[in-house]
C-alpha atoms as a PDB file:
ATOM      1  CA  MET A   1      19.525 -57.066  13.102  1.00  0.00           C
ATOM      2  CA  THR A   2      19.962 -57.389   9.341  1.00  0.00           C
ATOM      3  CA  GLN A   3      21.449 -54.296   7.754  1.00  0.00           C
ATOM      4  CA  ARG A   4      19.600 -52.524   4.945  1.00  0.00           C
ATOM      5  CA  PHE A   5      21.070 -51.724   1.528  1.00  0.00           C
ATOM      6  CA  VAL A   6      19.049 -49.537  -0.852  1.00  0.00           C
ATOM      7  CA  VAL A   7      19.849 -49.474  -4.573  1.00  0.00           C
ATOM      8  CA  VAL A   8      18.172 -46.760  -6.655  1.00  0.00           C
ATOM      9  CA  GLY A   9      17.807 -47.805 -10.285  1.00  0.00           C
ATOM     10  CA  ALA A  10      17.228 -51.318 -11.616  1.00  0.00           C
ATOM     11  CA  GLY A  11      19.264 -51.063 -14.794  1.00  0.00           C
ATOM     12  CA  THR A  12      22.308 -53.207 -15.516  1.00  0.00           C
ATOM     13  CA  MET A  13      24.440 -51.738 -12.737  1.00  0.00           C
ATOM     14  CA  GLY A  14      21.703 -51.426 -10.123  1.00  0.00           C
ATOM     15  CA  LEU A  15      20.722 -55.035 -10.680  1.00  0.00           C
ATOM     16  CA  GLY A  16      24.331 -56.147 -10.252  1.00  0.00           C
ATOM     17  CA  ILE A  17      24.804 -54.137  -7.073  1.00  0.00           C
ATOM     18  CA  ALA A  18      21.600 -55.621  -5.642  1.00  0.00           C
ATOM     19  CA  TYR A  19      22.888 -59.101  -6.495  1.00  0.00           C
ATOM     20  CA  VAL A  20      26.160 -58.759  -4.577  1.00  0.00           C
ATOM     21  CA  ALA A  21      24.517 -56.925  -1.669  1.00  0.00           C
ATOM     22  CA  ALA A  22      21.982 -59.719  -1.194  1.00  0.00           C
ATOM     23  CA  GLY A  23      24.794 -62.270  -1.384  1.00  0.00           C
ATOM     24  CA  ALA A  24      26.635 -60.345   1.343  1.00  0.00           C
ATOM     25  CA  GLY A  25      23.706 -60.714   3.731  1.00  0.00           C
ATOM     26  CA  TYR A  26      22.009 -57.328   3.376  1.00  0.00           C
ATOM     27  CA  ALA A  27      18.260 -56.805   3.212  1.00  0.00           C
ATOM     28  CA  VAL A  28      18.134 -55.167  -0.220  1.00  0.00           C
ATOM     29  CA  GLU A  29      15.550 -52.648  -1.370  1.00  0.00           C
ATOM     30  CA  LEU A  30      15.703 -52.145  -5.138  1.00  0.00           C
ATOM     31  CA  VAL A  31      14.043 -48.861  -6.092  1.00  0.00           C
ATOM     32  CA  GLU A  32      12.736 -48.526  -9.649  1.00  0.00           C
ATOM     33  CA  VAL A  33       9.957 -46.164 -10.749  1.00  0.00           C
ATOM     34  CA  ASP A  34       9.490 -48.056 -14.032  1.00  0.00           C
ATOM     35  CA  ARG A  35       7.474 -51.052 -12.845  1.00  0.00           C
ATOM     36  CA  ALA A  36       8.175 -53.138 -15.952  1.00  0.00           C
ATOM     37  CA  ARG A  37      11.912 -52.602 -15.568  1.00  0.00           C
ATOM     38  CA  GLY A  38      11.732 -53.404 -11.879  1.00  0.00           C
ATOM     39  CA  ALA A  39       9.876 -56.657 -12.514  1.00  0.00           C
ATOM     40  CA  ALA A  40      12.365 -57.586 -15.236  1.00  0.00           C
ATOM     41  CA  ALA A  41      15.248 -56.906 -12.825  1.00  0.00           C
ATOM     42  CA  VAL A  42      13.785 -59.192 -10.163  1.00  0.00           C
ATOM     43  CA  GLU A  43      13.279 -61.911 -12.765  1.00  0.00           C
ATOM     44  CA  ARG A  44      16.862 -61.489 -13.963  1.00  0.00           C
ATOM     45  CA  LEU A  45      18.158 -61.754 -10.391  1.00  0.00           C
ATOM     46  CA  GLY A  46      16.306 -65.029 -10.028  1.00  0.00           C
ATOM     47  CA  GLN A  47      17.889 -66.322 -13.227  1.00  0.00           C
ATOM     48  CA  LEU A  48      21.352 -65.369 -11.974  1.00  0.00           C
ATOM     49  CA  TRP A  49      20.842 -67.219  -8.706  1.00  0.00           C
ATOM     50  CA  ASP A  50      19.438 -70.253 -10.546  1.00  0.00           C
ATOM     51  CA  ARG A  51      22.522 -70.265 -12.767  1.00  0.00           C
ATOM     52  CA  ALA A  52      24.797 -70.029  -9.722  1.00  0.00           C
ATOM     53  CA  VAL A  53      23.120 -73.128  -8.283  1.00  0.00           C
ATOM     54  CA  GLN A  54      23.462 -74.994 -11.602  1.00  0.00           C
ATOM     55  CA  ARG A  55      27.165 -74.193 -11.721  1.00  0.00           C
ATOM     56  CA  GLY A  56      27.769 -75.267  -8.156  1.00  0.00           C
ATOM     57  CA  LYS A  57      28.598 -71.716  -7.038  1.00  0.00           C
ATOM     58  CA  SER A  58      25.676 -71.565  -4.626  1.00  0.00           C
ATOM     59  CA  THR A  59      23.276 -73.864  -2.839  1.00  0.00           C
ATOM     60  CA  ALA A  60      19.554 -73.862  -3.465  1.00  0.00           C
ATOM     61  CA  GLU A  61      19.068 -72.701   0.122  1.00  0.00           C
ATOM     62  CA  GLN A  62      21.396 -69.730  -0.341  1.00  0.00           C
ATOM     63  CA  ALA A  63      19.711 -68.791  -3.600  1.00  0.00           C
ATOM     64  CA  ALA A  64      16.339 -68.856  -1.879  1.00  0.00           C
ATOM     65  CA  THR A  65      17.705 -66.690   0.928  1.00  0.00           C
ATOM     66  CA  ASN A  66      19.064 -64.185  -1.580  1.00  0.00           C
ATOM     67  CA  ARG A  67      15.726 -64.029  -3.400  1.00  0.00           C
ATOM     68  CA  ALA A  68      13.897 -63.386  -0.143  1.00  0.00           C
ATOM     69  CA  ALA A  69      16.365 -60.606   0.740  1.00  0.00           C
ATOM     70  CA  VAL A  70      15.365 -58.409  -2.226  1.00  0.00           C
ATOM     71  CA  THR A  71      12.285 -56.182  -2.085  1.00  0.00           C
ATOM     72  CA  LEU A  72      11.211 -54.061  -5.034  1.00  0.00           C
ATOM     73  CA  ARG A  73      10.167 -50.483  -4.278  1.00  0.00           C
ATOM     74  CA  ALA A  74       8.407 -48.125  -6.702  1.00  0.00           C
ATOM     75  CA  GLY A  75      10.098 -45.051  -5.245  1.00  0.00           C
ATOM     76  CA  LEU A  76      12.215 -43.756  -2.373  1.00  0.00           C
ATOM     77  CA  GLY A  77       8.996 -42.699  -0.664  1.00  0.00           C
ATOM     78  CA  GLU A  78       8.398 -46.399   0.055  1.00  0.00           C
ATOM     79  CA  VAL A  79      11.760 -46.764   1.857  1.00  0.00           C
ATOM     80  CA  ALA A  80      11.870 -46.438   5.647  1.00  0.00           C
ATOM     81  CA  PRO A  81      14.380 -43.976   7.141  1.00  0.00           C
ATOM     82  CA  ALA A  82      17.918 -44.758   8.292  1.00  0.00           C
ATOM     83  CA  PRO A  83      19.120 -47.503   5.925  1.00  0.00           C
ATOM     84  CA  ASP A  84      22.755 -48.487   6.323  1.00  0.00           C
ATOM     85  CA  VAL A  85      23.667 -47.847   2.679  1.00  0.00           C
ATOM     86  CA  ILE A  86      22.038 -46.118  -0.275  1.00  0.00           C
ATOM     87  CA  VAL A  87      23.716 -46.366  -3.684  1.00  0.00           C
ATOM     88  CA  GLU A  88      22.332 -44.361  -6.578  1.00  0.00           C
ATOM     89  CA  ALA A  89      22.637 -46.132  -9.934  1.00  0.00           C
ATOM     90  CA  VAL A  90      20.436 -44.102 -12.268  1.00  0.00           C
ATOM     91  CA  PRO A  91      21.509 -42.932 -15.772  1.00  0.00           C
ATOM     92  CA  GLU A  92      24.632 -40.807 -16.088  1.00  0.00           C
ATOM     93  CA  ARG A  93      22.955 -37.378 -16.067  1.00  0.00           C
ATOM     94  CA  LEU A  94      23.883 -34.739 -13.519  1.00  0.00           C
ATOM     95  CA  GLU A  95      20.477 -33.236 -12.729  1.00  0.00           C
ATOM     96  CA  LEU A  96      18.784 -36.635 -12.492  1.00  0.00           C
ATOM     97  CA  LYS A  97      21.435 -37.919 -10.098  1.00  0.00           C
ATOM     98  CA  ARG A  98      21.313 -34.739  -7.995  1.00  0.00           C
ATOM     99  CA  ALA A  99      17.545 -35.051  -7.600  1.00  0.00           C
ATOM    100  CA  VAL A 100      17.785 -38.720  -6.596  1.00  0.00           C
ATOM    101  CA  LEU A 101      20.621 -38.079  -4.141  1.00  0.00           C
ATOM    102  CA  ALA A 102      18.802 -35.164  -2.489  1.00  0.00           C
ATOM    103  CA  GLU A 103      15.741 -37.363  -1.940  1.00  0.00           C
ATOM    104  CA  ALA A 104      17.910 -40.251  -0.733  1.00  0.00           C
ATOM    105  CA  GLU A 105      19.762 -38.050   1.759  1.00  0.00           C
ATOM    106  CA  ARG A 106      16.497 -37.194   3.511  1.00  0.00           C
ATOM    107  CA  LEU A 107      16.309 -40.848   4.559  1.00  0.00           C
ATOM    108  CA  GLU A 108      19.532 -40.290   6.556  1.00  0.00           C
ATOM    109  CA  PRO A 109      21.569 -43.298   5.414  1.00  0.00           C
ATOM    110  CA  ALA A 110      24.789 -44.043   7.253  1.00  0.00           C
ATOM    111  CA  LEU A 111      26.572 -44.121   3.881  1.00  0.00           C
ATOM    112  CA  LEU A 112      25.377 -42.462   0.667  1.00  0.00           C
ATOM    113  CA  GLY A 113      27.105 -43.294  -2.592  1.00  0.00           C
ATOM    114  CA  SER A 114      26.787 -42.759  -6.316  1.00  0.00           C
ATOM    115  CA  ASN A 115      27.723 -45.348  -8.914  1.00  0.00           C
ATOM    116  CA  THR A 116      28.648 -42.561 -11.323  1.00  0.00           C
ATOM    117  CA  SER A 117      31.466 -43.452 -13.682  1.00  0.00           C
ATOM    118  CA  SER A 118      32.383 -39.940 -14.780  1.00  0.00           C
ATOM    119  CA  ILE A 119      30.508 -37.093 -13.044  1.00  0.00           C
ATOM    120  CA  SER A 120      32.319 -35.040 -10.423  1.00  0.00           C
ATOM    121  CA  ILE A 121      31.448 -36.027  -6.865  1.00  0.00           C
ATOM    122  CA  ALA A 122      31.676 -32.350  -5.886  1.00  0.00           C
ATOM    123  CA  ASP A 123      29.067 -31.486  -8.516  1.00  0.00           C
ATOM    124  CA  LEU A 124      26.787 -34.269  -7.314  1.00  0.00           C
ATOM    125  CA  ALA A 125      27.220 -33.200  -3.683  1.00  0.00           C
ATOM    126  CA  ALA A 126      26.400 -29.546  -4.364  1.00  0.00           C
ATOM    127  CA  GLY A 127      22.792 -29.915  -3.211  1.00  0.00           C
ATOM    128  CA  LEU A 128      23.423 -32.173  -0.227  1.00  0.00           C
ATOM    129  CA  ALA A 129      23.090 -31.067   3.385  1.00  0.00           C
ATOM    130  CA  ARG A 130      25.683 -33.610   4.609  1.00  0.00           C
ATOM    131  CA  PRO A 131      28.236 -33.988   1.797  1.00  0.00           C
ATOM    132  CA  GLU A 132      30.741 -35.434   4.274  1.00  0.00           C
ATOM    133  CA  ARG A 133      28.696 -38.673   4.267  1.00  0.00           C
ATOM    134  CA  PHE A 134      28.767 -38.956   0.483  1.00  0.00           C
ATOM    135  CA  CYS A 135      31.285 -40.536  -1.901  1.00  0.00           C
ATOM    136  CA  GLY A 136      31.522 -42.261  -5.248  1.00  0.00           C
ATOM    137  CA  LEU A 137      31.038 -46.035  -5.248  1.00  0.00           C
ATOM    138  CA  HIS A 138      31.862 -47.014  -8.812  1.00  0.00           C
ATOM    139  CA  PHE A 139      31.138 -50.680  -9.502  1.00  0.00           C
ATOM    140  CA  PHE A 140      32.055 -52.517 -12.700  1.00  0.00           C
ATOM    141  CA  ASN A 141      30.007 -54.685 -15.024  1.00  0.00           C
ATOM    142  CA  PRO A 142      29.204 -57.489 -14.435  1.00  0.00           C
ATOM    143  CA  VAL A 143      29.216 -56.579 -10.766  1.00  0.00           C
ATOM    144  CA  TRP A 144      29.121 -60.194  -9.554  1.00  0.00           C
ATOM    145  CA  VAL A 145      32.339 -60.955 -11.493  1.00  0.00           C
ATOM    146  CA  MET A 146      34.437 -57.782 -11.389  1.00  0.00           C
ATOM    147  CA  ALA A 147      36.525 -57.465  -8.232  1.00  0.00           C
ATOM    148  CA  LEU A 148      37.147 -53.715  -8.365  1.00  0.00           C
ATOM    149  CA  LEU A 149      35.277 -51.011  -6.464  1.00  0.00           C
ATOM    150  CA  GLU A 150      36.487 -47.482  -7.215  1.00  0.00           C
ATOM    151  CA  ILE A 151      35.895 -45.264  -4.178  1.00  0.00           C
ATOM    152  CA  VAL A 152      35.860 -41.621  -5.224  1.00  0.00           C
ATOM    153  CA  VAL A 153      36.585 -39.095  -2.485  1.00  0.00           C
ATOM    154  CA  GLY A 154      35.075 -35.663  -2.957  1.00  0.00           C
ATOM    155  CA  PRO A 155      36.423 -32.472  -1.385  1.00  0.00           C
ATOM    156  CA  ALA A 156      33.865 -32.714   1.440  1.00  0.00           C
ATOM    157  CA  THR A 157      34.002 -36.487   1.962  1.00  0.00           C
ATOM    158  CA  ALA A 158      34.934 -37.319   5.562  1.00  0.00           C
ATOM    159  CA  GLU A 159      37.663 -39.820   6.366  1.00  0.00           C
ATOM    160  CA  GLU A 160      35.068 -41.847   8.268  1.00  0.00           C
ATOM    161  CA  THR A 161      33.022 -42.113   5.074  1.00  0.00           C
ATOM    162  CA  THR A 162      36.024 -43.325   3.100  1.00  0.00           C
ATOM    163  CA  GLU A 163      36.727 -45.960   5.747  1.00  0.00           C
ATOM    164  CA  ALA A 164      33.072 -47.030   5.746  1.00  0.00           C
ATOM    165  CA  ALA A 165      33.287 -47.402   1.970  1.00  0.00           C
ATOM    166  CA  ARG A 166      36.416 -49.550   2.331  1.00  0.00           C
ATOM    167  CA  ALA A 167      34.616 -51.741   4.844  1.00  0.00           C
ATOM    168  CA  LEU A 168      31.639 -52.038   2.506  1.00  0.00           C
ATOM    169  CA  ALA A 169      33.942 -53.121  -0.320  1.00  0.00           C
ATOM    170  CA  GLY A 170      35.338 -55.880   1.868  1.00  0.00           C
ATOM    171  CA  ARG A 171      31.916 -57.145   2.850  1.00  0.00           C
ATOM    172  CA  LEU A 172      30.834 -57.222  -0.796  1.00  0.00           C
ATOM    173  CA  GLY A 173      33.967 -59.145  -1.759  1.00  0.00           C
ATOM    174  CA  LYS A 174      35.462 -56.232  -3.692  1.00  0.00           C
ATOM    175  CA  ASP A 175      39.024 -54.916  -3.799  1.00  0.00           C
ATOM    176  CA  PRO A 176      38.867 -51.112  -3.527  1.00  0.00           C
ATOM    177  CA  VAL A 177      40.973 -48.314  -4.933  1.00  0.00           C
ATOM    178  CA  VAL A 178      40.588 -44.784  -3.584  1.00  0.00           C
ATOM    179  CA  VAL A 179      40.865 -41.926  -6.060  1.00  0.00           C
ATOM    180  CA  ARG A 180      40.549 -38.167  -5.901  1.00  0.00           C
ATOM    181  CA  ASP A 181      37.484 -36.528  -7.394  1.00  0.00           C
ATOM    182  CA  MET A 182      38.122 -35.650 -11.042  1.00  0.00           C
ATOM    183  CA  PRO A 183      35.738 -36.140 -13.980  1.00  0.00           C
ATOM    184  CA  GLY A 184      36.188 -39.713 -15.184  1.00  0.00           C
ATOM    185  CA  PHE A 185      38.207 -40.558 -12.034  1.00  0.00           C
ATOM    186  CA  ALA A 186      40.869 -43.148 -12.962  1.00  0.00           C
ATOM    187  CA  THR A 187      39.023 -45.997 -14.609  1.00  0.00           C
ATOM    188  CA  SER A 188      36.571 -44.221 -16.911  1.00  0.00           C
ATOM    189  CA  ARG A 189      39.145 -41.680 -18.031  1.00  0.00           C
ATOM    190  CA  LEU A 190      41.482 -44.451 -19.183  1.00  0.00           C
ATOM    191  CA  GLY A 191      38.848 -46.938 -20.325  1.00  0.00           C
ATOM    192  CA  VAL A 192      36.836 -44.454 -22.356  1.00  0.00           C
ATOM    193  CA  THR A 193      40.004 -43.188 -24.047  1.00  0.00           C
ATOM    194  CA  LEU A 194      40.713 -46.703 -25.290  1.00  0.00           C
ATOM    195  CA  GLY A 195      37.097 -47.378 -26.236  1.00  0.00           C
ATOM    196  CA  LEU A 196      36.673 -44.174 -28.238  1.00  0.00           C
ATOM    197  CA  GLU A 197      39.903 -44.752 -30.133  1.00  0.00           C
ATOM    198  CA  ALA A 198      38.822 -48.309 -30.958  1.00  0.00           C
ATOM    199  CA  ILE A 199      35.568 -46.914 -32.398  1.00  0.00           C
ATOM    200  CA  ARG A 200      37.531 -44.400 -34.488  1.00  0.00           C
ATOM    201  CA  MET A 201      39.720 -47.236 -35.769  1.00  0.00           C
ATOM    202  CA  LEU A 202      36.631 -49.193 -36.754  1.00  0.00           C
ATOM    203  CA  ALA A 203      35.232 -46.165 -38.588  1.00  0.00           C
ATOM    204  CA  ASP A 204      38.594 -45.833 -40.404  1.00  0.00           C
ATOM    205  CA  GLU A 205      38.318 -49.525 -41.415  1.00  0.00           C
ATOM    206  CA  VAL A 206      41.599 -50.387 -39.712  1.00  0.00           C
ATOM    207  CA  ALA A 207      40.258 -53.823 -38.782  1.00  0.00           C
ATOM    208  CA  SER A 208      37.071 -55.656 -37.822  1.00  0.00           C
ATOM    209  CA  PRO A 209      35.654 -55.357 -34.285  1.00  0.00           C
ATOM    210  CA  ALA A 210      36.779 -58.912 -33.537  1.00  0.00           C
ATOM    211  CA  ASP A 211      40.349 -58.260 -34.675  1.00  0.00           C
ATOM    212  CA  ILE A 212      40.623 -54.936 -32.835  1.00  0.00           C
ATOM    213  CA  ASP A 213      39.447 -56.664 -29.670  1.00  0.00           C
ATOM    214  CA  LYS A 214      41.697 -59.687 -30.204  1.00  0.00           C
ATOM    215  CA  ALA A 215      44.713 -57.387 -30.551  1.00  0.00           C
ATOM    216  CA  MET A 216      44.107 -55.963 -27.066  1.00  0.00           C
ATOM    217  CA  VAL A 217      43.261 -59.321 -25.483  1.00  0.00           C
ATOM    218  CA  LEU A 218      46.281 -61.173 -26.871  1.00  0.00           C
ATOM    219  CA  GLY A 219      48.739 -58.288 -27.166  1.00  0.00           C
ATOM    220  CA  TYR A 220      48.024 -56.467 -23.902  1.00  0.00           C
ATOM    221  CA  ARG A 221      46.341 -59.180 -21.815  1.00  0.00           C
ATOM    222  CA  HIS A 222      43.068 -57.306 -21.494  1.00  0.00           C
ATOM    223  CA  PRO A 223      40.361 -59.755 -20.391  1.00  0.00           C
ATOM    224  CA  VAL A 224      37.960 -58.367 -23.004  1.00  0.00           C
ATOM    225  CA  GLY A 225      38.470 -56.038 -25.970  1.00  0.00           C
ATOM    226  CA  PRO A 226      37.380 -52.366 -25.939  1.00  0.00           C
ATOM    227  CA  LEU A 227      34.539 -52.815 -28.442  1.00  0.00           C
ATOM    228  CA  GLU A 228      33.044 -55.847 -26.727  1.00  0.00           C
ATOM    229  CA  LEU A 229      33.382 -54.017 -23.417  1.00  0.00           C
ATOM    230  CA  THR A 230      31.491 -51.067 -24.905  1.00  0.00           C
ATOM    231  CA  ASP A 231      28.727 -53.479 -25.911  1.00  0.00           C
ATOM    232  CA  LEU A 232      28.621 -54.802 -22.336  1.00  0.00           C
ATOM    233  CA  VAL A 233      28.599 -51.336 -20.745  1.00  0.00           C
ATOM    234  CA  GLY A 234      26.072 -49.977 -23.248  1.00  0.00           C
ATOM    235  CA  LEU A 235      26.821 -47.627 -26.118  1.00  0.00           C
ATOM    236  CA  ASP A 236      24.392 -45.064 -24.715  1.00  0.00           C
ATOM    237  CA  VAL A 237      26.225 -45.122 -21.379  1.00  0.00           C
ATOM    238  CA  ARG A 238      29.578 -44.708 -23.134  1.00  0.00           C
ATOM    239  CA  LEU A 239      28.167 -41.778 -25.121  1.00  0.00           C
ATOM    240  CA  ASP A 240      26.950 -40.030 -21.945  1.00  0.00           C
ATOM    241  CA  ILE A 241      30.360 -40.520 -20.312  1.00  0.00           C
ATOM    242  CA  ALA A 242      32.219 -39.270 -23.392  1.00  0.00           C
ATOM    243  CA  ARG A 243      30.133 -36.101 -23.449  1.00  0.00           C
ATOM    244  CA  THR A 244      30.772 -35.504 -19.750  1.00  0.00           C
ATOM    245  CA  LEU A 245      34.525 -35.917 -20.247  1.00  0.00           C
ATOM    246  CA  GLN A 246      34.486 -33.740 -23.371  1.00  0.00           C
ATOM    247  CA  ALA A 247      32.929 -30.943 -21.332  1.00  0.00           C
ATOM    248  CA  ALA A 248      35.642 -31.334 -18.688  1.00  0.00           C
ATOM    249  CA  TYR A 249      38.762 -31.985 -20.771  1.00  0.00           C
ATOM    250  CA  GLY A 250      38.053 -30.893 -24.310  1.00  0.00           C
ATOM    251  CA  ASP A 251      37.681 -32.544 -27.677  1.00  0.00           C
ATOM    252  CA  ARG A 252      40.079 -35.399 -27.067  1.00  0.00           C
ATOM    253  CA  PHE A 253      37.011 -37.046 -25.526  1.00  0.00           C
ATOM    254  CA  ALA A 254      34.622 -35.992 -28.305  1.00  0.00           C
ATOM    255  CA  PRO A 255      32.411 -38.990 -29.144  1.00  0.00           C
ATOM    256  CA  PRO A 256      33.131 -40.397 -32.616  1.00  0.00           C
ATOM    257  CA  PRO A 257      30.301 -39.884 -35.130  1.00  0.00           C
ATOM    258  CA  LEU A 258      29.977 -43.666 -35.430  1.00  0.00           C
ATOM    259  CA  LEU A 259      29.115 -43.960 -31.727  1.00  0.00           C
ATOM    260  CA  VAL A 260      26.498 -41.215 -32.023  1.00  0.00           C
ATOM    261  CA  GLU A 261      24.987 -42.907 -35.105  1.00  0.00           C
ATOM    262  CA  MET A 262      24.816 -46.305 -33.439  1.00  0.00           C
ATOM    263  CA  VAL A 263      23.044 -44.954 -30.364  1.00  0.00           C
ATOM    264  CA  ALA A 264      20.586 -43.076 -32.575  1.00  0.00           C
ATOM    265  CA  ALA A 265      19.919 -46.331 -34.461  1.00  0.00           C
ATOM    266  CA  GLY A 266      19.166 -48.175 -31.214  1.00  0.00           C
ATOM    267  CA  ARG A 267      22.284 -50.316 -31.388  1.00  0.00           C
ATOM    268  CA  LEU A 268      23.142 -50.110 -27.702  1.00  0.00           C
ATOM    269  CA  GLY A 269      25.095 -53.345 -27.293  1.00  0.00           C
ATOM    270  CA  LYS A 270      24.184 -56.435 -25.320  1.00  0.00           C
ATOM    271  CA  LYS A 271      21.022 -54.974 -23.798  1.00  0.00           C
ATOM    272  CA  SER A 272      19.491 -54.264 -27.220  1.00  0.00           C
ATOM    273  CA  GLY A 273      20.793 -57.439 -28.863  1.00  0.00           C
ATOM    274  CA  HIS A 274      23.208 -55.687 -31.192  1.00  0.00           C
ATOM    275  CA  GLY A 275      26.029 -53.198 -31.040  1.00  0.00           C
ATOM    276  CA  PHE A 276      29.465 -53.904 -32.455  1.00  0.00           C
ATOM    277  CA  TYR A 277      28.449 -57.550 -32.159  1.00  0.00           C
ATOM    278  CA  ARG A 278      25.142 -59.400 -32.217  1.00  0.00           C
ATOM    279  CA  TRP A 279      23.965 -60.826 -28.881  1.00  0.00           C
ATOM    280  CA  VAL A 280      21.609 -63.770 -28.503  1.00  0.00           C
ATOM    281  CA  ASP A 281      20.158 -64.763 -25.111  1.00  0.00           C
ATOM    282  CA  GLY A 282      22.742 -62.600 -23.383  1.00  0.00           C
ATOM    283  CA  ALA A 283      25.730 -64.223 -25.116  1.00  0.00           C
ATOM    284  CA  ARG A 284      27.896 -62.841 -27.884  1.00  0.00           C
ATOM    285  CA  SER A 285      27.115 -64.467 -31.237  1.00  0.00           C
ATOM    286  CA  ASP A 286      30.354 -65.316 -33.044  1.00  0.00           C
ATOM    287  CA  GLY A 287      30.836 -65.650 -36.773  1.00  0.00           C
ATOM    288  CA  THR A 288      29.036 -62.429 -37.682  1.00  0.00           C
ATOM    289  CA  GLU A 289      30.471 -59.729 -39.899  1.00  0.00           C
ATOM    290  CA  TRP A 290      30.521 -56.090 -38.934  1.00  0.00           C
ATOM    291  CA  THR A 291      28.139 -53.745 -40.733  1.00  0.00           C
ATOM    292  CA  ALA A 292      27.690 -50.054 -40.023  1.00  0.00           C
ATOM    293  CA  PRO A 293      24.334 -48.624 -38.899  1.00  0.00           C
ATOM    294  CA  GLY A 294      21.772 -48.677 -41.691  1.00  0.00           C
ATOM    295  CA  SER A 295      23.414 -51.554 -43.563  1.00  0.00           C
ATOM    296  CA  ASP A 296      20.463 -53.790 -42.753  1.00  0.00           C
ATOM    297  CA  PRO A 297      17.193 -51.873 -43.251  1.00  0.00           C
ATOM    298  CA  SER A 298      15.310 -54.222 -40.907  1.00  0.00           C
ATOM    299  CA  THR A 299      17.605 -54.160 -37.874  1.00  0.00           C
ATOM    300  CA  GLY A 300      20.728 -52.172 -38.573  1.00  0.00           C
ATOM    301  CA  ALA A 301      22.600 -55.046 -36.947  1.00  0.00           C
ATOM    302  CA  ALA A 302      25.703 -56.956 -37.843  1.00  0.00           C
ATOM    303  CA  GLN A 303      24.927 -59.880 -40.097  1.00  0.00           C
END
């Protein structure tokens, strides 16, 4: 019998998790209350599978199988009980995630996880009846490329749950690390530190976004620079994470004013078409010069 994998939230991360779960042979239920976003996610999944076929990474038959494996749901009320896995991938806000997880737990999944990148697993588990079945399952963007899965073990997480999460990572083709529950865990705490400092450097006019990123790519062998990575993650997501870490660790994680201004101006990165770079058809547009928010009255984008 095909195992069931439920993903709650059809944003960038939820879409990516659904993609790899379908490719691993799960029957995937993608839950999204915003019908337009859900439809857009299904369309995007189809484009990704088409591209995989064009690049010789998949056969047309496998792509068709993956498409057929994904069902869009308008809410958890449409999901039958006892799925094998539920992963919550809604925006990085404690009360929203708690509400989703409490509803998800009532379906009695064998494994319940949150894709949170910064919120304490203990805080998320506070309202759960079976916190021993819950852990963090932090995927990385783009999920179909990035090999890492950060498994975050809360104080109530059972060893059996951790082992189930390891097994899930293997089935999804991911290489897991297991970390103790602390705000920001390992990856976000380090990655956000670098990203925030890069934004401060940009505000101080140390260098252009392209040169700051190039310094880290060529000098430290990072696969992508911190500003481009922030565009890929989403500036609004980075801002939410920074505020969570500031509350936990103090003002060394205070979001730079430039980040706050860019989010307020709608410059969210790749998903909005402009952030530190301009993005066209999902690809970074080179040869543009950095301008701060408000420099272009029509778009506020880099020219």
